[in-house]
Full PDB file with SEQRES, HELIX, SHEET, SSBOND, CRYST1, ORIGX, SCALE, CONECT and MASTER records, all heavy atoms in Angstrom:
SEQRES   1 A   31  LEU LEU HIS ASP ASP GLY VAL ARG GLU PRO LEU ILE HIS          
SEQRES   2 A   31  ASP SER VAL VAL GLY SER THR PHE ARG ALA ARG VAL ALA          
SEQRES   3 A   31  ARG VAL THR GLY GLU                                          
SHEET    1 AA1 2 LEU A  11  ASP A  14  0                                        
SHEET    2 AA1 2 THR A  20  ALA A  23 -1                                        
CRYST1    1.000    1.000    1.000  90.00  90.00  90.00 P 1           1          
ORIGX1      1.000000  0.000000  0.000000        0.00000                         
ORIGX2      0.000000  1.000000  0.000000        0.00000                         
ORIGX3      0.000000  0.000000  1.000000        0.00000                         
SCALE1      1.000000  0.000000  0.000000        0.00000                         
SCALE2      0.000000  1.000000  0.000000        0.00000                         
SCALE3      0.000000  0.000000  1.000000        0.00000                         
ATOM      1  N   LEU A   1       0.829  -1.210   0.000  1.00  0.00           N  
ATOM      2  CA  LEU A   1       0.000   0.000   0.000  1.00  0.00           C  
ATOM      3  C   LEU A   1       0.861   1.256   0.000  1.00  0.00           C  
ATOM      4  O   LEU A   1       0.585   2.213  -0.736  1.00  0.00           O  
ATOM      5  CB  LEU A   1      -0.934  -0.010   1.204  1.00  0.00           C  
ATOM      6  CG  LEU A   1      -2.082  -1.015   1.146  1.00  0.00           C  
ATOM      7  CD1 LEU A   1      -2.703  -1.208   2.520  1.00  0.00           C  
ATOM      8  CD2 LEU A   1      -3.150  -0.561   0.152  1.00  0.00           C  
ATOM      9  N   LEU A   2       1.895   1.282   0.832  1.00  0.00           N  
ATOM     10  CA  LEU A   2       2.766   2.457   0.881  1.00  0.00           C  
ATOM     11  C   LEU A   2       3.478   2.676  -0.444  1.00  0.00           C  
ATOM     12  O   LEU A   2       3.584   3.816  -0.924  1.00  0.00           O  
ATOM     13  CB  LEU A   2       3.785   2.293   2.015  1.00  0.00           C  
ATOM     14  CG  LEU A   2       3.217   2.410   3.429  1.00  0.00           C  
ATOM     15  CD1 LEU A   2       4.252   1.956   4.460  1.00  0.00           C  
ATOM     16  CD2 LEU A   2       2.779   3.839   3.727  1.00  0.00           C  
ATOM     17  N   HIS A   3       3.952   1.597  -1.051  1.00  0.00           N  
ATOM     18  CA  HIS A   3       4.616   1.727  -2.357  1.00  0.00           C  
ATOM     19  C   HIS A   3       3.638   2.265  -3.393  1.00  0.00           C  
ATOM     20  O   HIS A   3       3.996   3.109  -4.229  1.00  0.00           O  
ATOM     21  CB  HIS A   3       5.174   0.369  -2.791  1.00  0.00           C  
ATOM     22  CG  HIS A   3       6.088   0.455  -3.978  1.00  0.00           C  
ATOM     23  ND1 HIS A   3       5.632   0.352  -5.279  1.00  0.00           N  
ATOM     24  CD2 HIS A   3       7.434   0.634  -4.060  1.00  0.00           C  
ATOM     25  CE1 HIS A   3       6.653   0.457  -6.107  1.00  0.00           C  
ATOM     26  NE2 HIS A   3       7.752   0.629  -5.397  1.00  0.00           N  
ATOM     27  N   ASP A   4       2.397   1.802  -3.341  1.00  0.00           N  
ATOM     28  CA  ASP A   4       1.370   2.297  -4.260  1.00  0.00           C  
ATOM     29  C   ASP A   4       1.079   3.780  -4.028  1.00  0.00           C  
ATOM     30  O   ASP A   4       0.691   4.494  -4.952  1.00  0.00           O  
ATOM     31  CB  ASP A   4       0.093   1.466  -4.078  1.00  0.00           C  
ATOM     32  CG  ASP A   4      -0.947   1.751  -5.134  1.00  0.00           C  
ATOM     33  OD1 ASP A   4      -0.658   1.534  -6.338  1.00  0.00           O  
ATOM     34  OD2 ASP A   4      -2.056   2.207  -4.784  1.00  0.00           O  
ATOM     35  N   ASP A   5       1.295   4.248  -2.795  1.00  0.00           N  
ATOM     36  CA  ASP A   5       1.116   5.666  -2.468  1.00  0.00           C  
ATOM     37  C   ASP A   5       2.310   6.516  -2.899  1.00  0.00           C  
ATOM     38  O   ASP A   5       2.298   7.736  -2.710  1.00  0.00           O  
ATOM     39  CB  ASP A   5       0.935   5.835  -0.950  1.00  0.00           C  
ATOM     40  CG  ASP A   5      -0.439   5.400  -0.470  1.00  0.00           C  
ATOM     41  OD1 ASP A   5      -1.399   5.437  -1.269  1.00  0.00           O  
ATOM     42  OD2 ASP A   5      -0.550   5.017   0.716  1.00  0.00           O  
ATOM     43  N   GLY A   6       3.358   5.878  -3.403  1.00  0.00           N  
ATOM     44  CA  GLY A   6       4.546   6.606  -3.807  1.00  0.00           C  
ATOM     45  C   GLY A   6       5.629   6.676  -2.752  1.00  0.00           C  
ATOM     46  O   GLY A   6       6.661   7.330  -2.947  1.00  0.00           O  
ATOM     47  N   VAL A   7       5.431   5.995  -1.619  1.00  0.00           N  
ATOM     48  CA  VAL A   7       6.428   5.979  -0.555  1.00  0.00           C  
ATOM     49  C   VAL A   7       7.541   5.006  -0.926  1.00  0.00           C  
ATOM     50  O   VAL A   7       7.279   3.850  -1.241  1.00  0.00           O  
ATOM     51  CB  VAL A   7       5.783   5.576   0.786  1.00  0.00           C  
ATOM     52  CG1 VAL A   7       6.851   5.458   1.873  1.00  0.00           C  
ATOM     53  CG2 VAL A   7       4.704   6.568   1.184  1.00  0.00           C  
ATOM     54  N   ARG A   8       8.760   5.479  -0.878  1.00  0.00           N  
ATOM     55  CA  ARG A   8       9.901   4.618  -1.232  1.00  0.00           C  
ATOM     56  C   ARG A   8      10.832   4.372  -0.046  1.00  0.00           C  
ATOM     57  O   ARG A   8      11.763   3.578  -0.155  1.00  0.00           O  
ATOM     58  CB  ARG A   8      10.686   5.246  -2.387  1.00  0.00           C  
ATOM     59  CG  ARG A   8       9.867   5.385  -3.683  1.00  0.00           C  
ATOM     60  CD  ARG A   8       9.477   4.021  -4.222  1.00  0.00           C  
ATOM     61  NE  ARG A   8       8.712   4.102  -5.464  1.00  0.00           N  
ATOM     62  CZ  ARG A   8       7.384   4.070  -5.531  1.00  0.00           C  
ATOM     63  NH1 ARG A   8       6.667   3.972  -4.413  1.00  0.00           N  
ATOM     64  NH2 ARG A   8       6.766   4.131  -6.690  1.00  0.00           N  
ATOM     65  N   GLU A   9      10.606   5.052   1.071  1.00  0.00           N  
ATOM     66  CA  GLU A   9      11.449   4.854   2.246  1.00  0.00           C  
ATOM     67  C   GLU A   9      11.086   3.538   2.939  1.00  0.00           C  
ATOM     68  O   GLU A   9       9.951   3.077   2.881  1.00  0.00           O  
ATOM     69  CB  GLU A   9      11.259   6.012   3.243  1.00  0.00           C  
ATOM     70  CG  GLU A   9      11.743   7.349   2.743  1.00  0.00           C  
ATOM     71  CD  GLU A   9      10.697   8.065   1.901  1.00  0.00           C  
ATOM     72  OE1 GLU A   9       9.581   7.514   1.732  1.00  0.00           O  
ATOM     73  OE2 GLU A   9      10.993   9.165   1.415  1.00  0.00           O  
ATOM     74  N   PRO A  10      12.056   2.923   3.628  1.00  0.00           N  
ATOM     75  CA  PRO A  10      11.758   1.735   4.423  1.00  0.00           C  
ATOM     76  C   PRO A  10      10.768   2.056   5.542  1.00  0.00           C  
ATOM     77  O   PRO A  10      10.612   3.214   5.958  1.00  0.00           O  
ATOM     78  CB  PRO A  10      13.123   1.328   4.995  1.00  0.00           C  
ATOM     79  CG  PRO A  10      14.122   1.977   4.092  1.00  0.00           C  
ATOM     80  CD  PRO A  10      13.493   3.253   3.635  1.00  0.00           C  
ATOM     81  N   LEU A  11      10.113   1.024   6.035  1.00  0.00           N  
ATOM     82  CA  LEU A  11       9.099   1.157   7.083  1.00  0.00           C  
ATOM     83  C   LEU A  11       9.624   0.584   8.388  1.00  0.00           C  
ATOM     84  O   LEU A  11      10.073  -0.570   8.436  1.00  0.00           O  
ATOM     85  CB  LEU A  11       7.825   0.414   6.670  1.00  0.00           C  
ATOM     86  CG  LEU A  11       6.740   0.250   7.736  1.00  0.00           C  
ATOM     87  CD1 LEU A  11       6.156   1.612   8.131  1.00  0.00           C  
ATOM     88  CD2 LEU A  11       5.632  -0.687   7.234  1.00  0.00           C  
ATOM     89  N   ILE A  12       9.574   1.374   9.446  1.00  0.00           N  
ATOM     90  CA  ILE A  12       9.761   0.870  10.800  1.00  0.00           C  
ATOM     91  C   ILE A  12       8.372   0.601  11.345  1.00  0.00           C  
ATOM     92  O   ILE A  12       7.554   1.512  11.474  1.00  0.00           O  
ATOM     93  CB  ILE A  12      10.518   1.874  11.687  1.00  0.00           C  
ATOM     94  CG1 ILE A  12      11.913   2.138  11.118  1.00  0.00           C  
ATOM     95  CG2 ILE A  12      10.617   1.355  13.122  1.00  0.00           C  
ATOM     96  CD1 ILE A  12      12.672   3.223  11.857  1.00  0.00           C  
ATOM     97  N   HIS A  13       8.076  -0.656  11.626  1.00  0.00           N  
ATOM     98  CA  HIS A  13       6.712  -1.071  11.973  1.00  0.00           C  
ATOM     99  C   HIS A  13       6.692  -1.555  13.416  1.00  0.00           C  
ATOM    100  O   HIS A  13       7.323  -2.559  13.745  1.00  0.00           O  
ATOM    101  CB  HIS A  13       6.256  -2.184  11.020  1.00  0.00           C  
ATOM    102  CG  HIS A  13       4.829  -2.127  10.661  1.00  0.00           C  
ATOM    103  ND1 HIS A  13       4.138  -3.197  10.126  1.00  0.00           N  
ATOM    104  CD2 HIS A  13       3.924  -1.111  10.754  1.00  0.00           C  
ATOM    105  CE1 HIS A  13       2.887  -2.836   9.884  1.00  0.00           C  
ATOM    106  NE2 HIS A  13       2.743  -1.585  10.265  1.00  0.00           N  
ATOM    107  N   ASP A  14       5.979  -0.836  14.266  1.00  0.00           N  
ATOM    108  CA  ASP A  14       5.890  -1.173  15.681  1.00  0.00           C  
ATOM    109  C   ASP A  14       4.620  -1.958  15.961  1.00  0.00           C  
ATOM    110  O   ASP A  14       3.591  -1.778  15.285  1.00  0.00           O  
ATOM    111  CB  ASP A  14       5.883   0.094  16.536  1.00  0.00           C  
ATOM    112  CG  ASP A  14       7.189   0.859  16.467  1.00  0.00           C  
ATOM    113  OD1 ASP A  14       8.202   0.273  16.044  1.00  0.00           O  
ATOM    114  OD2 ASP A  14       7.191   2.054  16.827  1.00  0.00           O  
ATOM    115  N   SER A  15       4.681  -2.792  16.993  1.00  0.00           N  
ATOM    116  CA  SER A  15       3.528  -3.596  17.386  1.00  0.00           C  
ATOM    117  C   SER A  15       2.845  -2.994  18.606  1.00  0.00           C  
ATOM    118  O   SER A  15       3.326  -2.030  19.213  1.00  0.00           O  
ATOM    119  CB  SER A  15       3.957  -5.026  17.704  1.00  0.00           C  
ATOM    120  OG  SER A  15       4.549  -5.083  18.991  1.00  0.00           O  
ATOM    121  N   VAL A  16       1.762  -3.624  18.997  1.00  0.00           N  
ATOM    122  CA  VAL A  16       1.005  -3.168  20.155  1.00  0.00           C  
ATOM    123  C   VAL A  16       1.766  -3.398  21.460  1.00  0.00           C  
ATOM    124  O   VAL A  16       1.478  -2.759  22.471  1.00  0.00           O  
ATOM    125  CB  VAL A  16      -0.374  -3.862  20.186  1.00  0.00           C  
ATOM    126  CG1 VAL A  16      -0.228  -5.342  20.517  1.00  0.00           C  
ATOM    127  CG2 VAL A  16      -1.326  -3.169  21.143  1.00  0.00           C  
ATOM    128  N   VAL A  17       2.778  -4.306  21.461  1.00  0.00           N  
ATOM    129  CA  VAL A  17       3.565  -4.537  22.674  1.00  0.00           C  
ATOM    130  C   VAL A  17       4.921  -3.837  22.617  1.00  0.00           C  
ATOM    131  O   VAL A  17       5.751  -4.012  23.518  1.00  0.00           O  
ATOM    132  CB  VAL A  17       3.757  -6.045  22.947  1.00  0.00           C  
ATOM    133  CG1 VAL A  17       2.426  -6.741  23.090  1.00  0.00           C  
ATOM    134  CG2 VAL A  17       4.613  -6.710  21.875  1.00  0.00           C  
ATOM    135  N   GLY A  18       5.171  -3.051  21.568  1.00  0.00           N  
ATOM    136  CA  GLY A  18       6.412  -2.293  21.470  1.00  0.00           C  
ATOM    137  C   GLY A  18       7.532  -2.961  20.706  1.00  0.00           C  
ATOM    138  O   GLY A  18       8.626  -2.399  20.591  1.00  0.00           O  
ATOM    139  N   SER A  19       7.314  -4.165  20.177  1.00  0.00           N  
ATOM    140  CA  SER A  19       8.334  -4.802  19.339  1.00  0.00           C  
ATOM    141  C   SER A  19       8.315  -4.172  17.948  1.00  0.00           C  
ATOM    142  O   SER A  19       7.342  -3.515  17.552  1.00  0.00           O  
ATOM    143  CB  SER A  19       8.100  -6.309  19.255  1.00  0.00           C  
ATOM    144  OG  SER A  19       6.792  -6.601  18.814  1.00  0.00           O  
ATOM    145  N   THR A  20       9.392  -4.391  17.194  1.00  0.00           N  
ATOM    146  CA  THR A  20       9.568  -3.677  15.923  1.00  0.00           C  
ATOM    147  C   THR A  20      10.059  -4.601  14.821  1.00  0.00           C  
ATOM    148  O   THR A  20      10.919  -5.460  15.048  1.00  0.00           O  
ATOM    149  CB  THR A  20      10.587  -2.526  16.110  1.00  0.00           C  
ATOM    150  OG1 THR A  20      10.068  -1.587  17.056  1.00  0.00           O  
ATOM    151  CG2 THR A  20      10.847  -1.804  14.798  1.00  0.00           C  
ATOM    152  N   PHE A  21       9.502  -4.426  13.631  1.00  0.00           N  
ATOM    153  CA  PHE A  21      10.047  -4.987  12.400  1.00  0.00           C  
ATOM    154  C   PHE A  21      10.566  -3.833  11.551  1.00  0.00           C  
ATOM    155  O   PHE A  21       9.959  -2.741  11.541  1.00  0.00           O  
ATOM    156  CB  PHE A  21       8.973  -5.726  11.588  1.00  0.00           C  
ATOM    157  CG  PHE A  21       8.555  -7.064  12.147  1.00  0.00           C  
ATOM    158  CD1 PHE A  21       7.361  -7.640  11.720  1.00  0.00           C  
ATOM    159  CD2 PHE A  21       9.330  -7.755  13.059  1.00  0.00           C  
ATOM    160  CE1 PHE A  21       6.951  -8.875  12.207  1.00  0.00           C  
ATOM    161  CE2 PHE A  21       8.926  -8.985  13.559  1.00  0.00           C  
ATOM    162  CZ  PHE A  21       7.728  -9.544  13.130  1.00  0.00           C  
ATOM    163  N   ARG A  22      11.640  -4.084  10.835  1.00  0.00           N  
ATOM    164  CA  ARG A  22      12.144  -3.114   9.848  1.00  0.00           C  
ATOM    165  C   ARG A  22      11.914  -3.719   8.469  1.00  0.00           C  
ATOM    166  O   ARG A  22      12.345  -4.846   8.224  1.00  0.00           O  
ATOM    167  CB  ARG A  22      13.621  -2.801  10.086  1.00  0.00           C  
ATOM    168  CG  ARG A  22      13.853  -2.033  11.370  1.00  0.00           C  
ATOM    169  CD  ARG A  22      15.331  -1.728  11.611  1.00  0.00           C  
ATOM    170  NE  ARG A  22      15.483  -0.863  12.781  1.00  0.00           N  
ATOM    171  CZ  ARG A  22      15.546   0.474  12.734  1.00  0.00           C  
ATOM    172  NH1 ARG A  22      15.511   1.087  11.557  1.00  0.00           N  
ATOM    173  NH2 ARG A  22      15.679   1.175  13.833  1.00  0.00           N  
ATOM    174  N   ALA A  23      11.235  -2.983   7.615  1.00  0.00           N  
ATOM    175  CA  ALA A  23      10.775  -3.557   6.352  1.00  0.00           C  
ATOM    176  C   ALA A  23      11.077  -2.625   5.189  1.00  0.00           C  
ATOM    177  O   ALA A  23      11.111  -1.401   5.338  1.00  0.00           O  
ATOM    178  CB  ALA A  23       9.268  -3.836   6.428  1.00  0.00           C  
ATOM    179  N   ARG A  24      11.261  -3.257   4.041  1.00  0.00           N  
ATOM    180  CA  ARG A  24      11.490  -2.475   2.826  1.00  0.00           C  
ATOM    181  C   ARG A  24      11.049  -3.282   1.623  1.00  0.00           C  
ATOM    182  O   ARG A  24      10.902  -4.520   1.689  1.00  0.00           O  
ATOM    183  CB  ARG A  24      12.970  -2.109   2.686  1.00  0.00           C  
ATOM    184  CG  ARG A  24      13.867  -3.279   2.350  1.00  0.00           C  
ATOM    185  CD  ARG A  24      15.333  -2.890   2.299  1.00  0.00           C  
ATOM    186  NE  ARG A  24      16.183  -3.986   1.817  1.00  0.00           N  
ATOM    187  CZ  ARG A  24      16.588  -4.128   0.558  1.00  0.00           C  
ATOM    188  NH1 ARG A  24      16.235  -3.224  -0.360  1.00  0.00           N  
ATOM    189  NH2 ARG A  24      17.339  -5.147   0.202  1.00  0.00           N  
ATOM    190  N   VAL A  25      10.839  -2.588   0.531  1.00  0.00           N  
ATOM    191  CA  VAL A  25      10.579  -3.240  -0.746  1.00  0.00           C  
ATOM    192  C   VAL A  25      11.921  -3.601  -1.359  1.00  0.00           C  
ATOM    193  O   VAL A  25      12.736  -2.721  -1.664  1.00  0.00           O  
ATOM    194  CB  VAL A  25       9.773  -2.327  -1.684  1.00  0.00           C  
ATOM    195  CG1 VAL A  25       9.686  -2.939  -3.083  1.00  0.00           C  
ATOM    196  CG2 VAL A  25       8.368  -2.092  -1.122  1.00  0.00           C  
ATOM    197  N   ALA A  26      12.182  -4.898  -1.527  1.00  0.00           N  
ATOM    198  CA  ALA A  26      13.467  -5.343  -2.076  1.00  0.00           C  
ATOM    199  C   ALA A  26      13.536  -5.118  -3.579  1.00  0.00           C  
ATOM    200  O   ALA A  26      14.571  -4.719  -4.111  1.00  0.00           O  
ATOM    201  CB  ALA A  26      13.688  -6.812  -1.753  1.00  0.00           C  
ATOM    202  N   ARG A  27      12.412  -5.392  -4.249  1.00  0.00           N  
ATOM    203  CA  ARG A  27      12.354  -5.177  -5.690  1.00  0.00           C  
ATOM    204  C   ARG A  27      10.890  -5.184  -6.122  1.00  0.00           C  
ATOM    205  O   ARG A  27      10.009  -5.603  -5.374  1.00  0.00           O  
ATOM    206  CB  ARG A  27      13.144  -6.240  -6.451  1.00  0.00           C  
ATOM    207  CG  ARG A  27      12.634  -7.662  -6.304  1.00  0.00           C  
ATOM    208  CD  ARG A  27      13.553  -8.654  -7.016  1.00  0.00           C  
ATOM    209  NE  ARG A  27      12.997 -10.004  -7.010  1.00  0.00           N  
ATOM    210  CZ  ARG A  27      13.108 -10.862  -6.011  1.00  0.00           C  
ATOM    211  NH1 ARG A  27      13.770 -10.498  -4.917  1.00  0.00           N  
ATOM    212  NH2 ARG A  27      12.579 -12.069  -6.098  1.00  0.00           N  
ATOM    213  N   VAL A  28      10.681  -4.726  -7.346  1.00  0.00           N  
ATOM    214  CA  VAL A  28       9.334  -4.677  -7.912  1.00  0.00           C  
ATOM    215  C   VAL A  28       9.278  -5.637  -9.092  1.00  0.00           C  
ATOM    216  O   VAL A  28      10.166  -5.629  -9.953  1.00  0.00           O  
ATOM    217  CB  VAL A  28       8.979  -3.246  -8.372  1.00  0.00           C  
ATOM    218  CG1 VAL A  28       7.560  -3.208  -8.932  1.00  0.00           C  
ATOM    219  CG2 VAL A  28       9.113  -2.261  -7.221  1.00  0.00           C  
ATOM    220  N   THR A  29       8.274  -6.492  -9.104  1.00  0.00           N  
ATOM    221  CA  THR A  29       8.095  -7.451 -10.188  1.00  0.00           C  
ATOM    222  C   THR A  29       6.748  -7.210 -10.850  1.00  0.00           C  
ATOM    223  O   THR A  29       5.948  -6.382 -10.398  1.00  0.00           O  
ATOM    224  CB  THR A  29       8.142  -8.893  -9.658  1.00  0.00           C  
ATOM    225  OG1 THR A  29       6.934  -9.165  -8.931  1.00  0.00           O  
ATOM    226  CG2 THR A  29       9.343  -9.105  -8.739  1.00  0.00           C  
ATOM    227  N   GLY A  30       6.467  -7.947 -11.896  1.00  0.00           N  
ATOM    228  CA  GLY A  30       5.176  -7.842 -12.548  1.00  0.00           C  
ATOM    229  C   GLY A  30       4.034  -8.325 -11.675  1.00  0.00           C  
ATOM    230  O   GLY A  30       2.868  -7.960 -11.900  1.00  0.00           O  
ATOM    231  N   GLU A  31       4.340  -9.137 -10.659  1.00  0.00           N  
ATOM    232  CA  GLU A  31       3.315  -9.644  -9.751  1.00  0.00           C  
ATOM    233  C   GLU A  31       3.068  -8.733  -8.559  1.00  0.00           C  
ATOM    234  O   GLU A  31       2.021  -8.813  -7.911  1.00  0.00           O  
ATOM    235  CB  GLU A  31       3.719 -11.030  -9.237  1.00  0.00           C  
ATOM    236  CG  GLU A  31       3.887 -12.080 -10.306  1.00  0.00           C  
ATOM    237  CD  GLU A  31       4.406 -13.373  -9.710  1.00  0.00           C  
ATOM    238  OE1 GLU A  31       3.572 -14.194  -9.280  1.00  0.00           O  
ATOM    239  OE2 GLU A  31       5.634 -13.553  -9.654  1.00  0.00           O  
TER     240      GLU A  31                                                      
MASTER        0    0    0    0    2    0    0    6  239    1    0    3          
END                                                                             
């Protein structure tokens, strides 16, 4: 969704208990 919005920066994603994932789009394919 963020990539579709034009966002290209990585995402720091926090949970309800304060844990974190760091995420990014590695590449774009036809799928």
